[in-house]
N, C-alpha and C. Protein backbone atom coordinates (compact mmCIF):
# COMPACT_ATOMS: atom_id res chain seq x y z
N MET A 1 0.83 -1.19 0.00
CA MET A 1 0.00 0.00 0.00
C MET A 1 0.88 1.25 0.00
N ARG A 2 1.92 1.21 0.81
CA ARG A 2 2.82 2.36 0.91
C ARG A 2 3.52 2.61 -0.43
N GLN A 3 3.93 1.51 -1.10
CA GLN A 3 4.58 1.65 -2.42
C GLN A 3 3.62 2.23 -3.44
N TRP A 4 2.38 1.80 -3.38
CA TRP A 4 1.39 2.30 -4.34
C TRP A 4 1.18 3.80 -4.16
N ILE A 5 1.04 4.23 -2.90
CA ILE A 5 0.85 5.67 -2.63
C ILE A 5 2.07 6.46 -3.10
N ALA A 6 3.26 5.92 -2.85
CA ALA A 6 4.48 6.61 -3.29
C ALA A 6 4.53 6.68 -4.81
N GLY A 7 4.11 5.61 -5.48
CA GLY A 7 4.11 5.60 -6.95
C GLY A 7 3.14 6.61 -7.53
N VAL A 8 1.94 6.68 -6.95
CA VAL A 8 0.93 7.64 -7.43
C VAL A 8 1.42 9.07 -7.18
N THR A 9 2.01 9.30 -6.02
CA THR A 9 2.53 10.63 -5.70
C THR A 9 3.66 11.03 -6.65
N ALA A 10 4.58 10.10 -6.90
CA ALA A 10 5.71 10.39 -7.81
C ALA A 10 5.20 10.67 -9.22
N ALA A 11 4.24 9.89 -9.70
CA ALA A 11 3.70 10.10 -11.03
C ALA A 11 3.01 11.46 -11.12
N SER A 12 2.29 11.83 -10.07
CA SER A 12 1.60 13.13 -10.06
C SER A 12 2.59 14.29 -10.08
N VAL A 13 3.64 14.21 -9.26
CA VAL A 13 4.65 15.27 -9.21
C VAL A 13 5.38 15.38 -10.55
N LEU A 14 5.74 14.23 -11.12
CA LEU A 14 6.44 14.22 -12.41
C LEU A 14 5.54 14.80 -13.50
N ALA A 15 4.27 14.46 -13.49
CA ALA A 15 3.33 14.99 -14.49
C ALA A 15 3.19 16.50 -14.33
N ALA A 16 3.06 16.96 -13.10
CA ALA A 16 2.93 18.40 -12.86
C ALA A 16 4.15 19.15 -13.36
N MET A 17 5.34 18.59 -13.09
CA MET A 17 6.58 19.24 -13.55
C MET A 17 6.65 19.25 -15.07
N ALA A 18 6.29 18.14 -15.71
CA ALA A 18 6.33 18.07 -17.17
C ALA A 18 5.36 19.07 -17.78
N MET A 19 4.18 19.17 -17.19
CA MET A 19 3.18 20.11 -17.73
C MET A 19 3.64 21.56 -17.54
N ALA A 20 4.31 21.84 -16.44
CA ALA A 20 4.77 23.21 -16.18
C ALA A 20 5.90 23.59 -17.13
N LEU A 21 6.73 22.62 -17.51
CA LEU A 21 7.89 22.91 -18.35
C LEU A 21 7.58 22.86 -19.84
N THR A 22 6.48 22.28 -20.24
CA THR A 22 6.15 22.12 -21.65
C THR A 22 5.50 23.40 -22.19
N PRO A 23 5.97 23.86 -23.35
CA PRO A 23 5.38 25.06 -23.93
C PRO A 23 3.98 24.77 -24.50
N LYS A 24 3.21 25.87 -24.69
CA LYS A 24 1.86 25.73 -25.22
C LYS A 24 1.92 25.22 -26.64
N GLY A 25 0.79 24.59 -27.02
CA GLY A 25 0.70 24.10 -28.40
C GLY A 25 0.47 22.60 -28.43
N ALA A 26 0.83 22.02 -29.60
CA ALA A 26 0.60 20.59 -29.83
C ALA A 26 1.45 19.75 -28.89
N VAL A 27 2.64 20.19 -28.56
CA VAL A 27 3.51 19.43 -27.65
C VAL A 27 2.88 19.33 -26.27
N LYS A 28 2.24 20.40 -25.84
CA LYS A 28 1.59 20.40 -24.52
C LYS A 28 0.44 19.40 -24.51
N GLN A 29 -0.32 19.29 -25.63
CA GLN A 29 -1.42 18.34 -25.72
C GLN A 29 -0.91 16.90 -25.61
N VAL A 30 0.19 16.62 -26.30
CA VAL A 30 0.78 15.27 -26.24
C VAL A 30 1.31 15.00 -24.84
N THR A 31 1.94 15.99 -24.23
CA THR A 31 2.47 15.83 -22.87
C THR A 31 1.33 15.57 -21.89
N ARG A 32 0.23 16.30 -22.06
CA ARG A 32 -0.93 16.10 -21.19
C ARG A 32 -1.45 14.66 -21.34
N LEU A 33 -1.52 14.15 -22.56
CA LEU A 33 -1.98 12.78 -22.81
C LEU A 33 -1.04 11.76 -22.16
N VAL A 34 0.26 11.94 -22.35
CA VAL A 34 1.24 11.02 -21.77
C VAL A 34 1.20 11.08 -20.24
N CYS A 35 1.10 12.26 -19.68
CA CYS A 35 1.04 12.40 -18.22
C CYS A 35 -0.24 11.77 -17.67
N GLY A 36 -1.34 11.95 -18.36
CA GLY A 36 -2.60 11.34 -17.92
C GLY A 36 -2.51 9.82 -17.92
N LEU A 37 -1.92 9.25 -18.98
CA LEU A 37 -1.74 7.79 -19.04
C LEU A 37 -0.81 7.30 -17.93
N MET A 38 0.27 8.07 -17.69
CA MET A 38 1.23 7.69 -16.65
C MET A 38 0.54 7.68 -15.27
N CYS A 39 -0.27 8.68 -14.99
CA CYS A 39 -0.98 8.75 -13.70
C CYS A 39 -2.02 7.63 -13.60
N ALA A 40 -2.72 7.36 -14.70
CA ALA A 40 -3.71 6.28 -14.71
C ALA A 40 -3.05 4.93 -14.44
N LEU A 41 -1.90 4.70 -15.06
CA LEU A 41 -1.17 3.45 -14.82
C LEU A 41 -0.68 3.35 -13.38
N ALA A 42 -0.26 4.46 -12.81
CA ALA A 42 0.19 4.45 -11.41
C ALA A 42 -0.97 4.11 -10.48
N VAL A 43 -2.13 4.67 -10.76
CA VAL A 43 -3.31 4.38 -9.93
C VAL A 43 -3.75 2.93 -10.11
N ALA A 44 -3.68 2.40 -11.34
CA ALA A 44 -4.16 1.05 -11.64
C ALA A 44 -3.09 -0.02 -11.42
N ALA A 45 -1.92 0.34 -10.98
CA ALA A 45 -0.83 -0.62 -10.84
C ALA A 45 -1.20 -1.85 -10.00
N PRO A 46 -1.91 -1.71 -8.88
CA PRO A 46 -2.26 -2.92 -8.11
C PRO A 46 -3.14 -3.89 -8.90
N VAL A 47 -4.01 -3.35 -9.74
CA VAL A 47 -4.89 -4.21 -10.53
C VAL A 47 -4.09 -4.90 -11.63
N VAL A 48 -3.16 -4.16 -12.23
CA VAL A 48 -2.34 -4.72 -13.29
C VAL A 48 -1.46 -5.83 -12.74
N LYS A 49 -0.95 -5.66 -11.54
CA LYS A 49 -0.06 -6.64 -10.92
C LYS A 49 -0.82 -7.73 -10.17
N LEU A 50 -2.13 -7.73 -10.25
CA LEU A 50 -2.97 -8.67 -9.51
C LEU A 50 -2.63 -10.11 -9.90
N ASP A 51 -2.36 -10.92 -8.90
CA ASP A 51 -2.07 -12.33 -9.10
C ASP A 51 -3.40 -13.10 -9.10
N LEU A 52 -3.88 -13.43 -10.28
CA LEU A 52 -5.17 -14.08 -10.41
C LEU A 52 -5.19 -15.46 -9.75
N GLY A 53 -4.05 -16.14 -9.75
CA GLY A 53 -3.98 -17.44 -9.07
C GLY A 53 -4.23 -17.32 -7.58
N SER A 54 -3.60 -16.31 -6.97
CA SER A 54 -3.80 -16.08 -5.54
C SER A 54 -5.22 -15.63 -5.26
N LEU A 55 -5.76 -14.79 -6.13
CA LEU A 55 -7.12 -14.34 -5.97
C LEU A 55 -8.09 -15.51 -6.04
N SER A 56 -7.89 -16.38 -7.01
CA SER A 56 -8.75 -17.55 -7.17
C SER A 56 -8.65 -18.47 -5.96
N ALA A 57 -7.43 -18.68 -5.47
CA ALA A 57 -7.24 -19.53 -4.28
C ALA A 57 -7.90 -18.90 -3.06
N GLY A 58 -7.79 -17.59 -2.94
CA GLY A 58 -8.42 -16.89 -1.82
C GLY A 58 -9.94 -17.00 -1.86
N ILE A 59 -10.50 -16.84 -3.05
CA ILE A 59 -11.95 -16.97 -3.19
C ILE A 59 -12.39 -18.39 -2.86
N ALA A 60 -11.64 -19.38 -3.32
CA ALA A 60 -11.97 -20.78 -3.02
C ALA A 60 -11.91 -21.04 -1.53
N LYS A 61 -10.92 -20.45 -0.85
CA LYS A 61 -10.80 -20.62 0.60
C LYS A 61 -12.00 -20.01 1.32
N TYR A 62 -12.42 -18.81 0.89
CA TYR A 62 -13.58 -18.18 1.51
C TYR A 62 -14.87 -18.95 1.22
N GLU A 63 -14.99 -19.51 0.03
CA GLU A 63 -16.16 -20.32 -0.29
C GLU A 63 -16.22 -21.56 0.59
N GLN A 64 -15.07 -22.21 0.79
CA GLN A 64 -15.02 -23.39 1.66
C GLN A 64 -15.40 -23.02 3.09
N ARG A 65 -14.89 -21.91 3.56
CA ARG A 65 -15.22 -21.46 4.93
C ARG A 65 -16.71 -21.14 5.04
N ALA A 66 -17.27 -20.54 4.00
CA ALA A 66 -18.70 -20.23 4.01
C ALA A 66 -19.52 -21.52 4.06
N ARG A 67 -19.08 -22.55 3.31
CA ARG A 67 -19.79 -23.84 3.36
C ARG A 67 -19.70 -24.46 4.75
N GLU A 68 -18.53 -24.36 5.38
CA GLU A 68 -18.36 -24.90 6.73
C GLU A 68 -19.27 -24.19 7.73
N ILE A 69 -19.33 -22.87 7.63
CA ILE A 69 -20.17 -22.09 8.55
C ILE A 69 -21.64 -22.42 8.31
N THR A 70 -22.03 -22.55 7.05
CA THR A 70 -23.42 -22.91 6.73
C THR A 70 -23.76 -24.28 7.27
N SER A 71 -22.85 -25.22 7.09
CA SER A 71 -23.07 -26.58 7.58
C SER A 71 -23.20 -26.60 9.10
N GLN A 72 -22.34 -25.86 9.76
CA GLN A 72 -22.38 -25.78 11.22
C GLN A 72 -23.70 -25.15 11.69
N ALA A 73 -24.13 -24.10 11.00
CA ALA A 73 -25.39 -23.45 11.37
C ALA A 73 -26.57 -24.39 11.15
N GLU A 74 -26.54 -25.16 10.07
CA GLU A 74 -27.62 -26.12 9.82
C GLU A 74 -27.66 -27.19 10.90
N GLU A 75 -26.49 -27.65 11.33
CA GLU A 75 -26.42 -28.67 12.39
C GLU A 75 -26.95 -28.10 13.71
N GLU A 76 -26.58 -26.87 14.02
CA GLU A 76 -27.07 -26.24 15.24
C GLU A 76 -28.59 -26.04 15.18
N GLU A 77 -29.09 -25.67 14.01
CA GLU A 77 -30.54 -25.51 13.85
C GLU A 77 -31.24 -26.85 14.03
N LYS A 78 -30.63 -27.88 13.50
CA LYS A 78 -31.19 -29.23 13.64
C LYS A 78 -31.27 -29.63 15.12
N MET A 79 -30.22 -29.33 15.88
CA MET A 79 -30.22 -29.67 17.30
C MET A 79 -31.24 -28.82 18.07
N LEU A 80 -31.39 -27.57 17.68
CA LEU A 80 -32.41 -26.72 18.31
C LEU A 80 -33.81 -27.25 18.02
N ASP A 81 -34.01 -27.71 16.79
CA ASP A 81 -35.31 -28.31 16.44
C ASP A 81 -35.58 -29.53 17.30
N ARG A 82 -34.55 -30.35 17.52
CA ARG A 82 -34.70 -31.55 18.35
C ARG A 82 -35.09 -31.16 19.77
N THR A 83 -34.38 -30.21 20.32
CA THR A 83 -34.68 -29.76 21.68
C THR A 83 -36.10 -29.20 21.77
N TYR A 84 -36.51 -28.46 20.77
CA TYR A 84 -37.86 -27.89 20.74
C TYR A 84 -38.91 -29.01 20.73
N ILE A 85 -38.71 -30.01 19.87
CA ILE A 85 -39.67 -31.13 19.78
C ILE A 85 -39.73 -31.86 21.12
N GLU A 86 -38.57 -32.14 21.70
CA GLU A 86 -38.55 -32.86 22.98
C GLU A 86 -39.24 -32.05 24.08
N ASP A 87 -38.97 -30.75 24.13
CA ASP A 87 -39.60 -29.90 25.14
C ASP A 87 -41.11 -29.80 24.96
N ARG A 88 -41.56 -29.67 23.72
CA ARG A 88 -43.01 -29.58 23.46
C ARG A 88 -43.71 -30.89 23.83
N CYS A 89 -43.07 -32.02 23.54
CA CYS A 89 -43.66 -33.32 23.89
C CYS A 89 -43.72 -33.48 25.41
N ARG A 90 -42.66 -33.05 26.08
CA ARG A 90 -42.65 -33.11 27.55
C ARG A 90 -43.79 -32.27 28.11
N ALA A 91 -43.94 -31.05 27.58
CA ALA A 91 -45.01 -30.17 28.04
C ALA A 91 -46.38 -30.80 27.79
N TYR A 92 -46.54 -31.45 26.65
CA TYR A 92 -47.82 -32.12 26.35
C TYR A 92 -48.11 -33.21 27.37
N ILE A 93 -47.09 -34.03 27.66
CA ILE A 93 -47.28 -35.13 28.60
C ILE A 93 -47.65 -34.61 29.98
N LEU A 94 -46.96 -33.59 30.46
CA LEU A 94 -47.25 -33.02 31.78
C LEU A 94 -48.64 -32.40 31.81
N SER A 95 -49.02 -31.72 30.75
CA SER A 95 -50.34 -31.11 30.68
C SER A 95 -51.43 -32.18 30.62
N LYS A 96 -51.19 -33.20 29.82
CA LYS A 96 -52.17 -34.28 29.69
C LYS A 96 -52.31 -35.02 31.02
N ALA A 97 -51.20 -35.24 31.70
CA ALA A 97 -51.24 -35.91 33.01
C ALA A 97 -52.06 -35.10 33.99
N ALA A 98 -51.86 -33.80 33.98
CA ALA A 98 -52.62 -32.93 34.89
C ALA A 98 -54.11 -32.98 34.57
N SER A 99 -54.44 -32.98 33.28
CA SER A 99 -55.86 -33.01 32.91
C SER A 99 -56.51 -34.36 33.22
N LEU A 100 -55.71 -35.43 33.25
CA LEU A 100 -56.23 -36.76 33.58
C LEU A 100 -56.18 -37.05 35.08
N GLY A 101 -55.51 -36.18 35.82
CA GLY A 101 -55.35 -36.41 37.25
C GLY A 101 -54.33 -37.49 37.56
N ALA A 102 -53.42 -37.72 36.63
CA ALA A 102 -52.38 -38.75 36.81
C ALA A 102 -51.22 -38.17 37.62
N TYR A 103 -50.62 -39.01 38.45
CA TYR A 103 -49.47 -38.59 39.25
C TYR A 103 -48.21 -38.71 38.39
N VAL A 104 -47.72 -37.58 37.91
CA VAL A 104 -46.50 -37.55 37.10
C VAL A 104 -45.66 -36.38 37.58
N LYS A 105 -44.42 -36.68 37.98
CA LYS A 105 -43.50 -35.63 38.42
C LYS A 105 -42.78 -34.98 37.24
N ASP A 106 -42.39 -35.81 36.28
CA ASP A 106 -41.63 -35.28 35.15
C ASP A 106 -41.68 -36.28 34.00
N ALA A 107 -41.24 -35.83 32.84
CA ALA A 107 -41.16 -36.69 31.66
C ALA A 107 -39.96 -36.25 30.85
N ALA A 108 -39.27 -37.21 30.27
CA ALA A 108 -38.12 -36.91 29.41
C ALA A 108 -38.33 -37.63 28.08
N VAL A 109 -38.49 -36.86 27.03
CA VAL A 109 -38.72 -37.41 25.70
C VAL A 109 -37.42 -37.33 24.91
N THR A 110 -37.11 -38.38 24.17
CA THR A 110 -35.96 -38.39 23.29
C THR A 110 -36.46 -38.46 21.85
N ALA A 111 -36.03 -37.54 21.04
CA ALA A 111 -36.45 -37.50 19.63
C ALA A 111 -35.43 -38.24 18.78
N ARG A 112 -35.90 -38.70 17.64
CA ARG A 112 -35.04 -39.43 16.71
C ARG A 112 -35.17 -38.78 15.34
N TRP A 113 -34.04 -38.76 14.60
CA TRP A 113 -34.02 -38.12 13.28
C TRP A 113 -34.48 -39.12 12.22
N ASP A 114 -35.36 -38.68 11.36
CA ASP A 114 -35.82 -39.49 10.24
C ASP A 114 -35.19 -38.94 8.97
N ASN A 115 -34.24 -39.68 8.41
CA ASN A 115 -33.55 -39.21 7.20
C ASN A 115 -34.47 -39.11 5.99
N GLU A 116 -35.46 -39.98 5.93
CA GLU A 116 -36.35 -39.98 4.78
C GLU A 116 -37.23 -38.73 4.76
N ASP A 117 -37.83 -38.43 5.90
CA ASP A 117 -38.70 -37.25 5.98
C ASP A 117 -37.95 -36.01 6.46
N THR A 118 -36.71 -36.17 6.86
CA THR A 118 -35.85 -35.10 7.38
C THR A 118 -36.52 -34.29 8.47
N VAL A 119 -37.03 -35.02 9.48
CA VAL A 119 -37.66 -34.38 10.63
C VAL A 119 -37.31 -35.15 11.90
N TRP A 120 -37.43 -34.48 13.02
CA TRP A 120 -37.32 -35.12 14.32
C TRP A 120 -38.71 -35.61 14.72
N TYR A 121 -38.78 -36.76 15.34
CA TYR A 121 -40.05 -37.22 15.88
C TYR A 121 -39.80 -37.90 17.22
N PRO A 122 -40.78 -37.88 18.11
CA PRO A 122 -40.61 -38.47 19.44
C PRO A 122 -40.36 -39.98 19.31
N TRP A 123 -39.33 -40.47 20.02
CA TRP A 123 -38.97 -41.88 19.91
C TRP A 123 -39.20 -42.63 21.22
N THR A 124 -38.67 -42.10 22.30
CA THR A 124 -38.85 -42.75 23.60
C THR A 124 -39.27 -41.72 24.64
N VAL A 125 -39.82 -42.24 25.74
CA VAL A 125 -40.18 -41.36 26.84
C VAL A 125 -39.91 -42.09 28.15
N VAL A 126 -39.42 -41.35 29.12
CA VAL A 126 -39.27 -41.84 30.49
C VAL A 126 -40.16 -40.94 31.35
N VAL A 127 -41.16 -41.57 31.96
CA VAL A 127 -42.12 -40.82 32.78
C VAL A 127 -41.82 -41.13 34.24
N SER A 128 -41.61 -40.08 35.03
CA SER A 128 -41.38 -40.24 36.47
C SER A 128 -42.70 -40.03 37.19
N GLY A 129 -43.17 -41.07 37.80
CA GLY A 129 -44.45 -41.01 38.51
C GLY A 129 -45.18 -42.33 38.35
N GLY A 130 -46.36 -42.38 38.83
CA GLY A 130 -47.13 -43.62 38.76
C GLY A 130 -47.64 -43.89 37.35
N TYR A 131 -47.69 -45.18 36.99
CA TYR A 131 -48.20 -45.56 35.68
C TYR A 131 -49.68 -45.22 35.57
N ASP A 132 -50.05 -44.67 34.43
CA ASP A 132 -51.44 -44.34 34.19
C ASP A 132 -51.79 -44.83 32.78
N ARG A 133 -52.76 -45.73 32.70
CA ARG A 133 -53.13 -46.35 31.43
C ARG A 133 -53.64 -45.31 30.42
N ALA A 134 -54.45 -44.37 30.86
CA ALA A 134 -55.00 -43.36 29.95
C ALA A 134 -53.89 -42.45 29.41
N LEU A 135 -52.95 -42.11 30.27
CA LEU A 135 -51.82 -41.28 29.83
C LEU A 135 -50.94 -42.05 28.86
N ALA A 136 -50.68 -43.32 29.15
CA ALA A 136 -49.87 -44.15 28.26
C ALA A 136 -50.53 -44.24 26.88
N ALA A 137 -51.85 -44.38 26.87
CA ALA A 137 -52.58 -44.44 25.60
C ALA A 137 -52.50 -43.10 24.86
N ALA A 138 -52.58 -42.00 25.59
CA ALA A 138 -52.48 -40.67 24.97
C ALA A 138 -51.08 -40.45 24.39
N ILE A 139 -50.07 -40.90 25.11
CA ILE A 139 -48.69 -40.76 24.62
C ILE A 139 -48.52 -41.55 23.32
N GLU A 140 -49.10 -42.74 23.29
CA GLU A 140 -49.01 -43.54 22.07
C GLU A 140 -49.85 -42.93 20.95
N GLY A 141 -51.05 -42.53 21.25
CA GLY A 141 -51.95 -42.00 20.22
C GLY A 141 -51.57 -40.64 19.70
N GLU A 142 -51.16 -39.75 20.58
CA GLU A 142 -50.87 -38.37 20.17
C GLU A 142 -49.42 -38.15 19.76
N LEU A 143 -48.49 -38.82 20.44
CA LEU A 143 -47.06 -38.61 20.15
C LEU A 143 -46.46 -39.73 19.32
N GLY A 144 -47.18 -40.85 19.21
CA GLY A 144 -46.68 -41.96 18.40
C GLY A 144 -45.59 -42.77 19.08
N ILE A 145 -45.52 -42.70 20.41
CA ILE A 145 -44.53 -43.49 21.16
C ILE A 145 -45.26 -44.72 21.71
N PRO A 146 -45.02 -45.90 21.12
CA PRO A 146 -45.72 -47.10 21.58
C PRO A 146 -45.31 -47.50 22.99
N ALA A 147 -46.10 -48.36 23.61
CA ALA A 147 -45.88 -48.79 25.00
C ALA A 147 -44.49 -49.39 25.20
N ASP A 148 -43.96 -50.09 24.22
CA ASP A 148 -42.64 -50.72 24.40
C ASP A 148 -41.49 -49.71 24.42
N ARG A 149 -41.75 -48.45 24.04
CA ARG A 149 -40.73 -47.40 24.14
C ARG A 149 -41.08 -46.37 25.21
N GLN A 150 -42.02 -46.73 26.06
CA GLN A 150 -42.37 -45.89 27.22
C GLN A 150 -41.81 -46.57 28.46
N GLU A 151 -41.09 -45.78 29.23
CA GLU A 151 -40.58 -46.29 30.51
C GLU A 151 -41.22 -45.50 31.63
N TRP A 152 -41.76 -46.22 32.59
CA TRP A 152 -42.43 -45.58 33.73
C TRP A 152 -41.63 -45.86 34.98
N GLN A 153 -41.14 -44.81 35.61
CA GLN A 153 -40.35 -44.94 36.83
C GLN A 153 -41.19 -44.47 38.00
N THR A 154 -41.43 -45.38 38.92
CA THR A 154 -42.22 -45.02 40.09
C THR A 154 -41.30 -44.67 41.23
N ASP A 155 -41.81 -43.88 42.14
CA ASP A 155 -41.04 -43.49 43.34
C ASP A 155 -40.94 -44.68 44.29
N GLY A 156 -39.74 -44.91 44.83
CA GLY A 156 -39.48 -45.88 45.88
C GLY A 156 -39.89 -47.24 45.53
């Protein structure tokens, strides 16, 4: 950057001196044209010296980094979706238990990824509290978690 500024400054000073020393007439017009080209080349020197190979490699590096960041963001979004599904299912179970009058202290739902449909769905549940047949049926009917993937943990 420092060399470029020095080059532009030197070209400008040299052009000013040439214009001041050149007599009026056709010679001055040619001098003005040559000085203008010289200043334009000094300003454009970084572009002229641009290493296209390095530029291409730099762009490829930034594209790869952008893909990595996008992939990471998609994975984080996927995990947030999983947590959201698990939390909503837990809230449903606790609400349903309360409406049925079932003794349930807590519920932990584990979601599973479906590659075909590309969604999370409830897979297993661990219910802390007394077993309740109506709640177990609701969990199976509403959340799709069959009895063999429901675990009921009773106190003591």
